[in-house]
Amino acid sequence: MTRKSQVSDTLTRLEATIVQRLAASPETSYVAKLHAKGLAKIAQKVGEEATETVIAALAGDDAELVGEAADLLFHLMVLLAEKGVPIDSVLAELDRREGMSGIAEKEARAQKAARTE
């Protein structure tokens, strides 16, 4: 199994678990508890985890960064599930951007936004 398919499999399994737990009781599932609190709370958690990831990157060791990055990915996937956005859509967008300069990609998004205004 290639590393890319291994990552995709891990994210797909996590997504399935999250979707299943959205329907669980908030008393038995952290995902269900977040879901019950609504989109704003889930988005807040993504922000908190992003901040903790940045702090770990700047001040922590690699193990702390790995843990915080895992928390961030998990909460981001809860947010995506809450919005009904499949991880495959995100992975497809990353695939589309592969090999493209970040500067060129950002410029293309800005041009697209200008055309839609």
N, C-alpha and C. Protein backbone atom coordinates (compact mmCIF):
# COMPACT_ATOMS: atom_id res chain seq x y z
N MET A 1 0.84 -1.18 0.00
CA MET A 1 0.00 0.00 0.00
C MET A 1 0.89 1.24 0.00
N THR A 2 0.58 2.17 -0.87
CA THR A 2 1.37 3.39 -0.93
C THR A 2 1.01 4.30 0.24
N ARG A 3 1.91 5.21 0.54
CA ARG A 3 1.68 6.15 1.64
C ARG A 3 0.43 6.98 1.38
N LYS A 4 0.24 7.39 0.12
CA LYS A 4 -0.93 8.20 -0.22
C LYS A 4 -2.22 7.43 0.02
N SER A 5 -2.28 6.17 -0.37
CA SER A 5 -3.50 5.40 -0.15
C SER A 5 -3.69 5.09 1.33
N GLN A 6 -2.59 4.94 2.06
CA GLN A 6 -2.67 4.70 3.50
C GLN A 6 -3.28 5.92 4.20
N VAL A 7 -2.85 7.12 3.82
CA VAL A 7 -3.40 8.34 4.39
C VAL A 7 -4.88 8.45 4.04
N SER A 8 -5.20 8.20 2.79
CA SER A 8 -6.59 8.27 2.35
C SER A 8 -7.45 7.26 3.10
N ASP A 9 -6.96 6.04 3.29
CA ASP A 9 -7.70 5.02 4.04
C ASP A 9 -7.93 5.45 5.48
N THR A 10 -6.92 6.01 6.11
CA THR A 10 -7.05 6.47 7.50
C THR A 10 -8.11 7.55 7.59
N LEU A 11 -8.06 8.52 6.70
CA LEU A 11 -9.04 9.61 6.72
C LEU A 11 -10.44 9.12 6.40
N THR A 12 -10.56 8.18 5.48
CA THR A 12 -11.86 7.62 5.12
C THR A 12 -12.47 6.86 6.30
N ARG A 13 -11.65 6.07 7.01
CA ARG A 13 -12.15 5.36 8.20
C ARG A 13 -12.57 6.35 9.28
N LEU A 14 -11.77 7.37 9.49
CA LEU A 14 -12.11 8.37 10.50
C LEU A 14 -13.41 9.07 10.12
N GLU A 15 -13.56 9.41 8.87
CA GLU A 15 -14.78 10.07 8.40
C GLU A 15 -16.00 9.18 8.67
N ALA A 16 -15.90 7.91 8.37
CA ALA A 16 -17.02 6.99 8.60
C ALA A 16 -17.38 6.92 10.08
N THR A 17 -16.37 6.89 10.93
CA THR A 17 -16.61 6.85 12.37
C THR A 17 -17.30 8.13 12.83
N ILE A 18 -16.83 9.27 12.35
CA ILE A 18 -17.41 10.55 12.74
C ILE A 18 -18.86 10.64 12.28
N VAL A 19 -19.14 10.26 11.05
CA VAL A 19 -20.51 10.31 10.53
C VAL A 19 -21.42 9.41 11.37
N GLN A 20 -20.94 8.24 11.71
CA GLN A 20 -21.72 7.32 12.54
C GLN A 20 -22.00 7.95 13.91
N ARG A 21 -21.01 8.58 14.49
CA ARG A 21 -21.15 9.14 15.84
C ARG A 21 -21.96 10.43 15.87
N LEU A 22 -22.13 11.09 14.74
CA LEU A 22 -22.99 12.28 14.71
C LEU A 22 -24.41 11.92 15.17
N ALA A 23 -24.82 10.69 14.89
CA ALA A 23 -26.17 10.24 15.24
C ALA A 23 -26.25 9.59 16.62
N ALA A 24 -25.14 9.47 17.30
CA ALA A 24 -25.12 8.83 18.62
C ALA A 24 -25.66 9.78 19.69
N SER A 25 -25.78 9.28 20.87
CA SER A 25 -26.21 10.09 22.01
C SER A 25 -25.05 10.96 22.48
N PRO A 26 -25.33 12.23 22.78
CA PRO A 26 -24.28 13.10 23.32
C PRO A 26 -23.70 12.61 24.65
N GLU A 27 -24.43 11.75 25.33
CA GLU A 27 -23.92 11.19 26.58
C GLU A 27 -22.86 10.12 26.33
N THR A 28 -22.83 9.56 25.13
CA THR A 28 -21.90 8.47 24.85
C THR A 28 -20.84 8.80 23.82
N SER A 29 -20.95 9.97 23.18
CA SER A 29 -20.03 10.29 22.09
C SER A 29 -19.62 11.76 22.12
N TYR A 30 -18.31 11.99 22.09
CA TYR A 30 -17.79 13.36 22.02
C TYR A 30 -18.24 14.04 20.73
N VAL A 31 -18.22 13.31 19.61
CA VAL A 31 -18.65 13.88 18.33
C VAL A 31 -20.12 14.29 18.41
N ALA A 32 -20.95 13.43 18.98
CA ALA A 32 -22.37 13.75 19.12
C ALA A 32 -22.57 14.96 20.03
N LYS A 33 -21.75 15.06 21.07
CA LYS A 33 -21.84 16.21 21.98
C LYS A 33 -21.50 17.50 21.24
N LEU A 34 -20.45 17.48 20.43
CA LEU A 34 -20.11 18.66 19.62
C LEU A 34 -21.23 18.98 18.64
N HIS A 35 -21.74 17.95 17.99
CA HIS A 35 -22.83 18.12 17.02
C HIS A 35 -24.04 18.79 17.69
N ALA A 36 -24.36 18.36 18.90
CA ALA A 36 -25.50 18.92 19.63
C ALA A 36 -25.29 20.40 19.95
N LYS A 37 -24.04 20.81 20.10
CA LYS A 37 -23.74 22.21 20.41
C LYS A 37 -23.76 23.10 19.17
N GLY A 38 -23.71 22.48 17.99
CA GLY A 38 -23.87 23.23 16.76
C GLY A 38 -22.58 23.60 16.04
N LEU A 39 -22.78 24.11 14.84
CA LEU A 39 -21.68 24.44 13.94
C LEU A 39 -20.71 25.46 14.54
N ALA A 40 -21.22 26.47 15.20
CA ALA A 40 -20.34 27.50 15.75
C ALA A 40 -19.37 26.92 16.77
N LYS A 41 -19.84 26.01 17.61
CA LYS A 41 -18.97 25.38 18.61
C LYS A 41 -17.92 24.51 17.93
N ILE A 42 -18.33 23.78 16.91
CA ILE A 42 -17.38 22.93 16.19
C ILE A 42 -16.31 23.81 15.54
N ALA A 43 -16.72 24.89 14.91
CA ALA A 43 -15.76 25.81 14.28
C ALA A 43 -14.83 26.41 15.32
N GLN A 44 -15.36 26.74 16.49
CA GLN A 44 -14.54 27.27 17.58
C GLN A 44 -13.48 26.25 17.98
N LYS A 45 -13.87 24.98 18.07
CA LYS A 45 -12.92 23.93 18.45
C LYS A 45 -11.81 23.80 17.40
N VAL A 46 -12.15 23.93 16.12
CA VAL A 46 -11.12 23.89 15.08
C VAL A 46 -10.13 25.03 15.29
N GLY A 47 -10.64 26.21 15.58
CA GLY A 47 -9.77 27.35 15.85
C GLY A 47 -8.87 27.13 17.05
N GLU A 48 -9.44 26.59 18.13
CA GLU A 48 -8.64 26.31 19.33
C GLU A 48 -7.54 25.30 19.02
N GLU A 49 -7.90 24.26 18.31
CA GLU A 49 -6.90 23.22 17.98
C GLU A 49 -5.83 23.77 17.04
N ALA A 50 -6.21 24.65 16.13
CA ALA A 50 -5.22 25.27 15.24
C ALA A 50 -4.22 26.10 16.05
N THR A 51 -4.74 26.85 17.00
CA THR A 51 -3.87 27.66 17.87
C THR A 51 -2.93 26.77 18.68
N GLU A 52 -3.46 25.69 19.24
CA GLU A 52 -2.63 24.78 20.02
C GLU A 52 -1.57 24.11 19.14
N THR A 53 -1.90 23.86 17.89
CA THR A 53 -0.92 23.28 16.95
C THR A 53 0.21 24.27 16.69
N VAL A 54 -0.14 25.52 16.49
CA VAL A 54 0.87 26.55 16.27
C VAL A 54 1.78 26.67 17.49
N ILE A 55 1.19 26.70 18.67
CA ILE A 55 1.99 26.81 19.90
C ILE A 55 2.93 25.61 20.03
N ALA A 56 2.43 24.42 19.76
CA ALA A 56 3.27 23.22 19.83
C ALA A 56 4.40 23.27 18.81
N ALA A 57 4.11 23.80 17.64
CA ALA A 57 5.15 23.91 16.62
C ALA A 57 6.27 24.85 17.04
N LEU A 58 5.90 25.91 17.73
CA LEU A 58 6.88 26.92 18.13
C LEU A 58 7.58 26.60 19.44
N ALA A 59 6.89 25.94 20.36
CA ALA A 59 7.46 25.77 21.69
C ALA A 59 7.55 24.32 22.17
N GLY A 60 6.87 23.42 21.50
CA GLY A 60 6.82 22.05 21.97
C GLY A 60 7.82 21.15 21.26
N ASP A 61 7.79 19.90 21.67
CA ASP A 61 8.62 18.92 20.98
C ASP A 61 7.79 18.28 19.87
N ASP A 62 8.42 17.41 19.10
CA ASP A 62 7.73 16.80 17.96
C ASP A 62 6.52 15.98 18.39
N ALA A 63 6.61 15.28 19.51
CA ALA A 63 5.49 14.46 19.98
C ALA A 63 4.28 15.34 20.30
N GLU A 64 4.52 16.48 20.91
CA GLU A 64 3.43 17.41 21.21
C GLU A 64 2.80 17.94 19.93
N LEU A 65 3.63 18.28 18.96
CA LEU A 65 3.13 18.76 17.67
C LEU A 65 2.29 17.68 16.99
N VAL A 66 2.75 16.45 17.01
CA VAL A 66 1.99 15.36 16.39
C VAL A 66 0.62 15.22 17.06
N GLY A 67 0.59 15.26 18.38
CA GLY A 67 -0.67 15.16 19.09
C GLY A 67 -1.63 16.28 18.77
N GLU A 68 -1.12 17.50 18.75
CA GLU A 68 -1.97 18.65 18.43
C GLU A 68 -2.42 18.63 16.98
N ALA A 69 -1.55 18.21 16.08
CA ALA A 69 -1.93 18.10 14.67
C ALA A 69 -3.04 17.06 14.49
N ALA A 70 -2.95 15.96 15.22
CA ALA A 70 -4.00 14.93 15.17
C ALA A 70 -5.32 15.50 15.67
N ASP A 71 -5.26 16.26 16.77
CA ASP A 71 -6.48 16.90 17.30
C ASP A 71 -7.08 17.86 16.27
N LEU A 72 -6.22 18.62 15.61
CA LEU A 72 -6.68 19.57 14.60
C LEU A 72 -7.35 18.86 13.43
N LEU A 73 -6.71 17.82 12.92
CA LEU A 73 -7.30 17.06 11.80
C LEU A 73 -8.63 16.45 12.21
N PHE A 74 -8.68 15.89 13.41
CA PHE A 74 -9.93 15.28 13.89
C PHE A 74 -11.05 16.32 13.92
N HIS A 75 -10.80 17.46 14.55
CA HIS A 75 -11.85 18.47 14.66
C HIS A 75 -12.22 19.07 13.30
N LEU A 76 -11.25 19.20 12.42
CA LEU A 76 -11.55 19.65 11.06
C LEU A 76 -12.47 18.65 10.36
N MET A 77 -12.21 17.37 10.57
CA MET A 77 -13.07 16.35 9.94
C MET A 77 -14.47 16.35 10.55
N VAL A 78 -14.59 16.65 11.83
CA VAL A 78 -15.92 16.80 12.44
C VAL A 78 -16.64 17.98 11.78
N LEU A 79 -15.94 19.08 11.58
CA LEU A 79 -16.53 20.24 10.92
C LEU A 79 -16.98 19.90 9.50
N LEU A 80 -16.13 19.22 8.75
CA LEU A 80 -16.51 18.82 7.39
C LEU A 80 -17.76 17.94 7.40
N ALA A 81 -17.79 16.97 8.31
CA ALA A 81 -18.96 16.08 8.41
C ALA A 81 -20.21 16.86 8.77
N GLU A 82 -20.07 17.79 9.70
CA GLU A 82 -21.21 18.62 10.10
C GLU A 82 -21.77 19.39 8.91
N LYS A 83 -20.88 19.84 8.02
CA LYS A 83 -21.30 20.59 6.84
C LYS A 83 -21.67 19.69 5.66
N GLY A 84 -21.47 18.37 5.81
CA GLY A 84 -21.79 17.44 4.72
C GLY A 84 -20.77 17.46 3.60
N VAL A 85 -19.55 17.88 3.90
CA VAL A 85 -18.48 17.93 2.89
C VAL A 85 -17.62 16.68 3.06
N PRO A 86 -17.61 15.80 2.07
CA PRO A 86 -16.82 14.58 2.20
C PRO A 86 -15.31 14.86 2.11
N ILE A 87 -14.54 14.09 2.85
CA ILE A 87 -13.08 14.24 2.82
C ILE A 87 -12.55 14.04 1.41
N ASP A 88 -13.22 13.23 0.61
CA ASP A 88 -12.79 13.03 -0.77
C ASP A 88 -12.78 14.33 -1.56
N SER A 89 -13.68 15.25 -1.23
CA SER A 89 -13.69 16.56 -1.91
C SER A 89 -12.43 17.35 -1.56
N VAL A 90 -12.02 17.29 -0.31
CA VAL A 90 -10.81 18.00 0.12
C VAL A 90 -9.58 17.36 -0.52
N LEU A 91 -9.54 16.02 -0.52
CA LEU A 91 -8.41 15.32 -1.12
C LEU A 91 -8.34 15.59 -2.62
N ALA A 92 -9.50 15.65 -3.28
CA ALA A 92 -9.52 15.96 -4.72
C ALA A 92 -8.98 17.37 -4.98
N GLU A 93 -9.32 18.30 -4.11
CA GLU A 93 -8.80 19.67 -4.26
C GLU A 93 -7.29 19.70 -4.07
N LEU A 94 -6.80 18.94 -3.10
CA LEU A 94 -5.35 18.87 -2.91
C LEU A 94 -4.68 18.23 -4.12
N ASP A 95 -5.30 17.19 -4.67
CA ASP A 95 -4.76 16.56 -5.89
C ASP A 95 -4.74 17.55 -7.05
N ARG A 96 -5.80 18.36 -7.15
CA ARG A 96 -5.88 19.35 -8.23
C ARG A 96 -4.75 20.37 -8.12
N ARG A 97 -4.40 20.70 -6.89
CA ARG A 97 -3.36 21.71 -6.66
C ARG A 97 -1.95 21.14 -6.74
N GLU A 98 -1.82 19.83 -6.74
CA GLU A 98 -0.50 19.21 -6.73
C GLU A 98 0.34 19.68 -7.91
N GLY A 99 1.54 20.07 -7.63
CA GLY A 99 2.46 20.52 -8.67
C GLY A 99 2.28 21.98 -9.05
N MET A 100 1.27 22.62 -8.48
CA MET A 100 1.01 24.03 -8.77
C MET A 100 1.71 24.88 -7.71
N SER A 101 2.34 25.92 -8.14
CA SER A 101 2.95 26.86 -7.20
C SER A 101 1.88 27.43 -6.29
N GLY A 102 2.18 27.53 -5.01
CA GLY A 102 1.24 28.14 -4.07
C GLY A 102 0.92 29.56 -4.44
N ILE A 103 1.89 30.27 -4.96
CA ILE A 103 1.67 31.65 -5.38
C ILE A 103 0.72 31.69 -6.58
N ALA A 104 0.93 30.80 -7.54
CA ALA A 104 0.06 30.75 -8.72
C ALA A 104 -1.35 30.32 -8.33
N GLU A 105 -1.47 29.37 -7.41
CA GLU A 105 -2.78 28.90 -6.98
C GLU A 105 -3.55 30.01 -6.29
N LYS A 106 -2.88 30.75 -5.42
CA LYS A 106 -3.52 31.86 -4.71
C LYS A 106 -3.96 32.95 -5.70
N GLU A 107 -3.12 33.23 -6.68
CA GLU A 107 -3.45 34.23 -7.70
C GLU A 107 -4.67 33.80 -8.50
N ALA A 108 -4.74 32.50 -8.85
CA ALA A 108 -5.88 31.98 -9.62
C ALA A 108 -7.17 32.12 -8.81
N ARG A 109 -7.11 31.86 -7.50
CA ARG A 109 -8.30 32.03 -6.66
C ARG A 109 -8.73 33.48 -6.60
N ALA A 110 -7.77 34.40 -6.51
CA ALA A 110 -8.08 35.83 -6.45
C ALA A 110 -8.72 36.28 -7.75
N GLN A 111 -8.22 35.79 -8.89
CA GLN A 111 -8.79 36.15 -10.19
C GLN A 111 -10.21 35.60 -10.31
N LYS A 112 -10.44 34.39 -9.85
CA LYS A 112 -11.76 33.79 -9.90
C LYS A 112 -12.73 34.59 -9.04
N ALA A 113 -12.30 34.99 -7.85
CA ALA A 113 -13.14 35.79 -6.96
C ALA A 113 -13.49 37.12 -7.58
N ALA A 114 -12.52 37.73 -8.26
CA ALA A 114 -12.76 39.04 -8.90
C ALA A 114 -13.79 38.91 -10.03
N ARG A 115 -13.76 37.79 -10.74
CA ARG A 115 -14.72 37.57 -11.84
C ARG A 115 -16.14 37.37 -11.32
N THR A 116 -16.28 36.85 -10.11
CA THR A 116 -17.61 36.56 -9.58
C THR A 116 -18.21 37.75 -8.82
N GLU A 117 -17.46 38.81 -8.64
CA GLU A 117 -17.98 39.98 -7.91
C GLU A 117 -18.83 40.84 -8.78
